[in-house]
Amino acid sequence: MENIDRASTSVLKGGVFLSLKLSNNARTVLEKRYLTKKDDQTLETPEELFWRVASNIAEADKLYNKEADLKAKAERFYELMTSLKFMPNSPTLMVRQDS
């Protein structure tokens, strides 16, 4: 997906997204409700969704600290989300960078 800075994921386990351990049902729900689509074609994977959301959440730190390491913050949120220790609410998952 063009809105995702794939270079930012390079430190995430050797340049690849951390693997999500999701049930088939969870993947179906993500695809139907949260993954970015265009013309009924899915444009992102669950891992890309989590990176997109983690990056957007980390952006809030700019409001409080202009020197914040946003990449490190996004990586931490991504780790928490992929381990299922933290999951944002539905409206947060639905936010798109282009909206």
Foldseek 3Di string as FASTA:
>chain_A
DVVDPQVLCCVCPNSDFDDADDDPVVQVCCQVQFADDDPSHGDDHPSSLLLQLLLVVLVVVCVVDVPDPSSVSSSVSSVCVRVVVDDDDRVSSRDDPVD
